[in-house]
């Protein structure tokens, strides 16, 4: 899925963090990203955008192989 590049490693970590965050939201209605970055809404939005782009990168890598 993720290649051995820096971009692939960052994408993998962002997808893992995003998945864990949504698991916490689903199980406990607790959003870790907003807890950590909630005072700066623009940062929360940037993190969510980066997580989404990382997921697309991972999907592209999986389909390409």
PDB file of N, CA and C in Angstrom:
ATOM      1  N   UNK A   1       0.819  -1.196   0.000  1.00  0.00           N
ATOM      2  CA  UNK A   1       0.000   0.000   0.000  1.00  0.00           C
ATOM      3  C   UNK A   1       0.858   1.252   0.000  1.00  0.00           C
ATOM      4  N   UNK A   2       1.498   1.538   1.098  1.00  0.00           N
ATOM      5  CA  UNK A   2       2.335   2.734   1.149  1.00  0.00           C
ATOM      6  C   UNK A   2       3.736   2.365   0.691  1.00  0.00           C
ATOM      7  N   UNK A   3       4.301   3.209  -0.138  1.00  0.00           N
ATOM      8  CA  UNK A   3       5.667   2.937  -0.562  1.00  0.00           C
ATOM      9  C   UNK A   3       6.636   3.358   0.541  1.00  0.00           C
ATOM     10  N   UNK A   4       7.902   3.158   0.301  1.00  0.00           N
ATOM     11  CA  UNK A   4       8.916   3.441   1.320  1.00  0.00           C
ATOM     12  C   UNK A   4       9.374   4.900   1.312  1.00  0.00           C
ATOM     13  N   UNK A   5       8.699   5.742   0.562  1.00  0.00           N
ATOM     14  CA  UNK A   5       9.088   7.142   0.503  1.00  0.00           C
ATOM     15  C   UNK A   5       8.589   7.894   1.739  1.00  0.00           C
ATOM     16  N   UNK A   6       9.080   9.086   1.899  1.00  0.00           N
ATOM     17  CA  UNK A   6       8.645   9.937   3.016  1.00  0.00           C
ATOM     18  C   UNK A   6       7.159  10.259   2.870  1.00  0.00           C
ATOM     19  N   UNK A   7       6.731  10.554   1.651  1.00  0.00           N
ATOM     20  CA  UNK A   7       5.314  10.870   1.413  1.00  0.00           C
ATOM     21  C   UNK A   7       4.443   9.667   1.764  1.00  0.00           C
ATOM     22  N   UNK A   8       4.882   8.468   1.375  1.00  0.00           N
ATOM     23  CA  UNK A   8       4.126   7.265   1.691  1.00  0.00           C
ATOM     24  C   UNK A   8       4.035   7.015   3.184  1.00  0.00           C
ATOM     25  N   UNK A   9       5.120   7.257   3.889  1.00  0.00           N
ATOM     26  CA  UNK A   9       5.129   7.077   5.341  1.00  0.00           C
ATOM     27  C   UNK A   9       4.212   8.085   6.025  1.00  0.00           C
ATOM     28  N   UNK A  10       4.265   9.329   5.600  1.00  0.00           N
ATOM     29  CA  UNK A  10       3.389  10.364   6.174  1.00  0.00           C
ATOM     30  C   UNK A  10       1.934  10.041   5.884  1.00  0.00           C
ATOM     31  N   UNK A  11       1.652   9.612   4.649  1.00  0.00           N
ATOM     32  CA  UNK A  11       0.280   9.248   4.277  1.00  0.00           C
ATOM     33  C   UNK A  11      -0.227   8.102   5.143  1.00  0.00           C
ATOM     34  N   UNK A  12       0.620   7.105   5.357  1.00  0.00           N
ATOM     35  CA  UNK A  12       0.223   5.972   6.193  1.00  0.00           C
ATOM     36  C   UNK A  12      -0.118   6.431   7.605  1.00  0.00           C
ATOM     37  N   UNK A  13       0.727   7.257   8.191  1.00  0.00           N
ATOM     38  CA  UNK A  13       0.473   7.743   9.552  1.00  0.00           C
ATOM     39  C   UNK A  13      -0.795   8.587   9.639  1.00  0.00           C
ATOM     40  N   UNK A  14      -1.021   9.429   8.637  1.00  0.00           N
ATOM     41  CA  UNK A  14      -2.232  10.257   8.647  1.00  0.00           C
ATOM     42  C   UNK A  14      -3.487   9.404   8.507  1.00  0.00           C
ATOM     43  N   UNK A  15      -3.424   8.369   7.678  1.00  0.00           N
ATOM     44  CA  UNK A  15      -4.576   7.475   7.539  1.00  0.00           C
ATOM     45  C   UNK A  15      -4.821   6.713   8.844  1.00  0.00           C
ATOM     46  N   UNK A  16      -3.760   6.257   9.485  1.00  0.00           N
ATOM     47  CA  UNK A  16      -3.922   5.558  10.766  1.00  0.00           C
ATOM     48  C   UNK A  16      -4.499   6.472  11.841  1.00  0.00           C
ATOM     49  N   UNK A  17      -3.986   7.691  11.933  1.00  0.00           N
ATOM     50  CA  UNK A  17      -4.500   8.648  12.920  1.00  0.00           C
ATOM     51  C   UNK A  17      -5.965   8.974  12.628  1.00  0.00           C
ATOM     52  N   UNK A  18      -6.281   9.180  11.358  1.00  0.00           N
ATOM     53  CA  UNK A  18      -7.660   9.470  10.983  1.00  0.00           C
ATOM     54  C   UNK A  18      -8.592   8.317  11.315  1.00  0.00           C
ATOM     55  N   UNK A  19      -8.147   7.092  11.052  1.00  0.00           N
ATOM     56  CA  UNK A  19      -8.972   5.922  11.361  1.00  0.00           C
ATOM     57  C   UNK A  19      -9.210   5.797  12.862  1.00  0.00           C
ATOM     58  N   UNK A  20      -8.150   5.972  13.641  1.00  0.00           N
ATOM     59  CA  UNK A  20      -8.308   5.915  15.095  1.00  0.00           C
ATOM     60  C   UNK A  20      -9.229   7.032  15.590  1.00  0.00           C
ATOM     61  N   UNK A  21      -9.103   8.208  15.001  1.00  0.00           N
ATOM     62  CA  UNK A  21      -9.952   9.324  15.406  1.00  0.00           C
ATOM     63  C   UNK A  21     -11.421   9.010  15.132  1.00  0.00           C
ATOM     64  N   UNK A  22     -11.724   8.460  13.949  1.00  0.00           N
ATOM     65  CA  UNK A  22     -13.120   8.139  13.640  1.00  0.00           C
ATOM     66  C   UNK A  22     -13.628   6.989  14.502  1.00  0.00           C
ATOM     67  N   UNK A  23     -12.752   6.077  14.885  1.00  0.00           N
ATOM     68  CA  UNK A  23     -13.145   5.036  15.823  1.00  0.00           C
ATOM     69  C   UNK A  23     -13.530   5.615  17.179  1.00  0.00           C
ATOM     70  N   UNK A  24     -12.752   6.594  17.629  1.00  0.00           N
ATOM     71  CA  UNK A  24     -13.081   7.272  18.893  1.00  0.00           C
ATOM     72  C   UNK A  24     -14.381   8.053  18.791  1.00  0.00           C
ATOM     73  N   UNK A  25     -14.603   8.693  17.648  1.00  0.00           N
ATOM     74  CA  UNK A  25     -15.855   9.441  17.446  1.00  0.00           C
ATOM     75  C   UNK A  25     -17.039   8.480  17.468  1.00  0.00           C
ATOM     76  N   UNK A  26     -16.901   7.351  16.766  1.00  0.00           N
ATOM     77  CA  UNK A  26     -18.000   6.385  16.715  1.00  0.00           C
ATOM     78  C   UNK A  26     -18.274   5.719  18.046  1.00  0.00           C
ATOM     79  N   UNK A  27     -17.233   5.364  18.774  1.00  0.00           N
ATOM     80  CA  UNK A  27     -17.404   4.625  20.017  1.00  0.00           C
ATOM     81  C   UNK A  27     -17.764   5.514  21.203  1.00  0.00           C
ATOM     82  N   UNK A  28     -17.129   6.685  21.262  1.00  0.00           N
ATOM     83  CA  UNK A  28     -17.279   7.507  22.467  1.00  0.00           C
ATOM     84  C   UNK A  28     -17.742   8.938  22.189  1.00  0.00           C
ATOM     85  N   UNK A  29     -17.989   9.267  20.923  1.00  0.00           N
ATOM     86  CA  UNK A  29     -18.363  10.628  20.536  1.00  0.00           C
ATOM     87  C   UNK A  29     -17.298  11.620  21.021  1.00  0.00           C
ATOM     88  N   UNK A  30     -16.030  11.241  20.856  1.00  0.00           N
ATOM     89  CA  UNK A  30     -14.892  12.049  21.305  1.00  0.00           C
ATOM     90  C   UNK A  30     -13.933  12.236  20.146  1.00  0.00           C
ATOM     91  N   UNK A  31     -13.755  13.470  19.707  1.00  0.00           N
ATOM     92  CA  UNK A  31     -12.940  13.786  18.539  1.00  0.00           C
ATOM     93  C   UNK A  31     -11.566  14.267  19.002  1.00  0.00           C
ATOM     94  N   UNK A  32     -10.565  13.403  18.870  1.00  0.00           N
ATOM     95  CA  UNK A  32      -9.223  13.710  19.344  1.00  0.00           C
ATOM     96  C   UNK A  32      -8.602  14.883  18.597  1.00  0.00           C
ATOM     97  N   UNK A  33      -8.835  14.964  17.286  1.00  0.00           N
ATOM     98  CA  UNK A  33      -8.268  16.064  16.497  1.00  0.00           C
ATOM     99  C   UNK A  33      -8.797  17.402  17.001  1.00  0.00           C
ATOM    100  N   UNK A  34     -10.091  17.478  17.253  1.00  0.00           N
ATOM    101  CA  UNK A  34     -10.657  18.729  17.760  1.00  0.00           C
ATOM    102  C   UNK A  34     -10.246  19.007  19.192  1.00  0.00           C
ATOM    103  N   UNK A  35     -10.018  17.981  19.976  1.00  0.00           N
ATOM    104  CA  UNK A  35      -9.538  18.188  21.349  1.00  0.00           C
ATOM    105  C   UNK A  35      -8.146  18.812  21.322  1.00  0.00           C
ATOM    106  N   UNK A  36      -7.287  18.309  20.426  1.00  0.00           N
ATOM    107  CA  UNK A  36      -5.915  18.809  20.358  1.00  0.00           C
ATOM    108  C   UNK A  36      -5.834  20.151  19.650  1.00  0.00           C
ATOM    109  N   UNK A  37      -6.554  20.297  18.524  1.00  0.00           N
ATOM    110  CA  UNK A  37      -6.422  21.498  17.694  1.00  0.00           C
ATOM    111  C   UNK A  37      -7.675  22.366  17.658  1.00  0.00           C
ATOM    112  N   UNK A  38      -8.623  22.109  18.542  1.00  0.00           N
ATOM    113  CA  UNK A  38      -9.916  22.785  18.504  1.00  0.00           C
ATOM    114  C   UNK A  38      -9.858  24.295  18.650  1.00  0.00           C
ATOM    115  N   UNK A  39      -8.801  24.807  19.252  1.00  0.00           N
ATOM    116  CA  UNK A  39      -8.703  26.250  19.438  1.00  0.00           C
ATOM    117  C   UNK A  39      -8.333  26.959  18.138  1.00  0.00           C
ATOM    118  N   UNK A  40      -7.876  26.184  17.154  1.00  0.00           N
ATOM    119  CA  UNK A  40      -7.500  26.750  15.854  1.00  0.00           C
ATOM    120  C   UNK A  40      -8.253  25.974  14.764  1.00  0.00           C
ATOM    121  N   UNK A  41      -9.490  26.391  14.460  1.00  0.00           N
ATOM    122  CA  UNK A  41     -10.322  25.646  13.506  1.00  0.00           C
ATOM    123  C   UNK A  41      -9.683  25.457  12.126  1.00  0.00           C
ATOM    124  N   UNK A  42      -8.863  26.399  11.715  1.00  0.00           N
ATOM    125  CA  UNK A  42      -8.210  26.268  10.407  1.00  0.00           C
ATOM    126  C   UNK A  42      -7.257  25.072  10.412  1.00  0.00           C
ATOM    127  N   UNK A  43      -6.560  24.838  11.511  1.00  0.00           N
ATOM    128  CA  UNK A  43      -5.666  23.686  11.621  1.00  0.00           C
ATOM    129  C   UNK A  43      -6.443  22.373  11.595  1.00  0.00           C
ATOM    130  N   UNK A  44      -7.598  22.345  12.247  1.00  0.00           N
ATOM    131  CA  UNK A  44      -8.445  21.150  12.226  1.00  0.00           C
ATOM    132  C   UNK A  44      -8.844  20.843  10.786  1.00  0.00           C
ATOM    133  N   UNK A  45      -9.256  21.856  10.060  1.00  0.00           N
ATOM    134  CA  UNK A  45      -9.659  21.666   8.667  1.00  0.00           C
ATOM    135  C   UNK A  45      -8.480  21.194   7.816  1.00  0.00           C
ATOM    136  N   UNK A  46      -7.314  21.762   8.023  1.00  0.00           N
ATOM    137  CA  UNK A  46      -6.124  21.353   7.265  1.00  0.00           C
ATOM    138  C   UNK A  46      -5.782  19.891   7.560  1.00  0.00           C
ATOM    139  N   UNK A  47      -5.858  19.486   8.828  1.00  0.00           N
ATOM    140  CA  UNK A  47      -5.565  18.101   9.188  1.00  0.00           C
ATOM    141  C   UNK A  47      -6.557  17.162   8.509  1.00  0.00           C
ATOM    142  N   UNK A  48      -7.845  17.514   8.509  1.00  0.00           N
ATOM    143  CA  UNK A  48      -8.843  16.665   7.851  1.00  0.00           C
ATOM    144  C   UNK A  48      -8.598  16.583   6.351  1.00  0.00           C
ATOM    145  N   UNK A  49      -8.222  17.681   5.727  1.00  0.00           N
ATOM    146  CA  UNK A  49      -7.919  17.671   4.294  1.00  0.00           C
ATOM    147  C   UNK A  49      -6.710  16.785   4.023  1.00  0.00           C
ATOM    148  N   UNK A  50      -5.671  16.915   4.835  1.00  0.00           N
ATOM    149  CA  UNK A  50      -4.477  16.080   4.658  1.00  0.00           C
ATOM    150  C   UNK A  50      -4.793  14.598   4.868  1.00  0.00           C
ATOM    151  N   UNK A  51      -5.657  14.285   5.818  1.00  0.00           N
ATOM    152  CA  UNK A  51      -6.060  12.898   6.028  1.00  0.00           C
ATOM    153  C   UNK A  51      -6.801  12.360   4.809  1.00  0.00           C
ATOM    154  N   UNK A  52      -7.691  13.154   4.252  1.00  0.00           N
ATOM    155  CA  UNK A  52      -8.420  12.734   3.064  1.00  0.00           C
ATOM    156  C   UNK A  52      -7.507  12.532   1.873  1.00  0.00           C
ATOM    157  N   UNK A  53      -6.576  13.452   1.670  1.00  0.00           N
ATOM    158  CA  UNK A  53      -5.607  13.306   0.575  1.00  0.00           C
ATOM    159  C   UNK A  53      -4.720  12.086   0.782  1.00  0.00           C
ATOM    160  N   UNK A  54      -4.374  11.812   2.037  1.00  0.00           N
ATOM    161  CA  UNK A  54      -3.571  10.632   2.337  1.00  0.00           C
ATOM    162  C   UNK A  54      -4.336   9.355   2.005  1.00  0.00           C
ATOM    163  N   UNK A  55      -5.608   9.340   2.310  1.00  0.00           N
ATOM    164  CA  UNK A  55      -6.424   8.168   1.975  1.00  0.00           C
ATOM    165  C   UNK A  55      -6.478   7.967   0.461  1.00  0.00           C
ATOM    166  N   UNK A  56      -6.641   9.044  -0.281  1.00  0.00           N
ATOM    167  CA  UNK A  56      -6.638   8.940  -1.745  1.00  0.00           C
ATOM    168  C   UNK A  56      -5.297   8.437  -2.259  1.00  0.00           C
ATOM    169  N   UNK A  57      -4.231   8.885  -1.666  1.00  0.00           N
ATOM    170  CA  UNK A  57      -2.881   8.431  -2.030  1.00  0.00           C
ATOM    171  C   UNK A  57      -2.734   6.934  -1.773  1.00  0.00           C
ATOM    172  N   UNK A  58      -3.235   6.480  -0.634  1.00  0.00           N
ATOM    173  CA  UNK A  58      -3.161   5.070  -0.307  1.00  0.00           C
ATOM    174  C   UNK A  58      -4.013   4.230  -1.253  1.00  0.00           C
ATOM    175  N   UNK A  59      -5.199   4.721  -1.605  1.00  0.00           N
ATOM    176  CA  UNK A  59      -6.056   4.014  -2.552  1.00  0.00           C
ATOM    177  C   UNK A  59      -5.373   3.928  -3.910  1.00  0.00           C
ATOM    178  N   UNK A  60      -4.804   5.030  -4.359  1.00  0.00           N
ATOM    179  CA  UNK A  60      -4.084   5.049  -5.639  1.00  0.00           C
ATOM    180  C   UNK A  60      -2.943   4.020  -5.631  1.00  0.00           C
ATOM    181  N   UNK A  61      -2.185   3.975  -4.553  1.00  0.00           N
ATOM    182  CA  UNK A  61      -1.090   3.022  -4.442  1.00  0.00           C
ATOM    183  C   UNK A  61      -1.572   1.581  -4.463  1.00  0.00           C
ATOM    184  N   UNK A  62      -2.725   1.315  -3.842  1.00  0.00           N
ATOM    185  CA  UNK A  62      -3.254  -0.039  -3.800  1.00  0.00           C
ATOM    186  C   UNK A  62      -3.793  -0.464  -5.167  1.00  0.00           C
ATOM    187  N   UNK A  63      -4.424   0.459  -5.872  1.00  0.00           N
ATOM    188  CA  UNK A  63      -5.000   0.156  -7.190  1.00  0.00           C
ATOM    189  C   UNK A  63      -3.913   0.031  -8.241  1.00  0.00           C
ATOM    190  N   UNK A  64      -2.872   0.842  -8.116  1.00  0.00           N
ATOM    191  CA  UNK A  64      -1.791   0.859  -9.093  1.00  0.00           C
ATOM    192  C   UNK A  64      -1.063  -0.473  -9.151  1.00  0.00           C
ATOM    193  N   UNK A  65      -0.968  -1.157  -8.028  1.00  0.00           N
ATOM    194  CA  UNK A  65      -0.240  -2.432  -7.977  1.00  0.00           C
ATOM    195  C   UNK A  65      -1.066  -3.496  -8.528  1.00  0.00           C
TER     196      UNK A  65
END
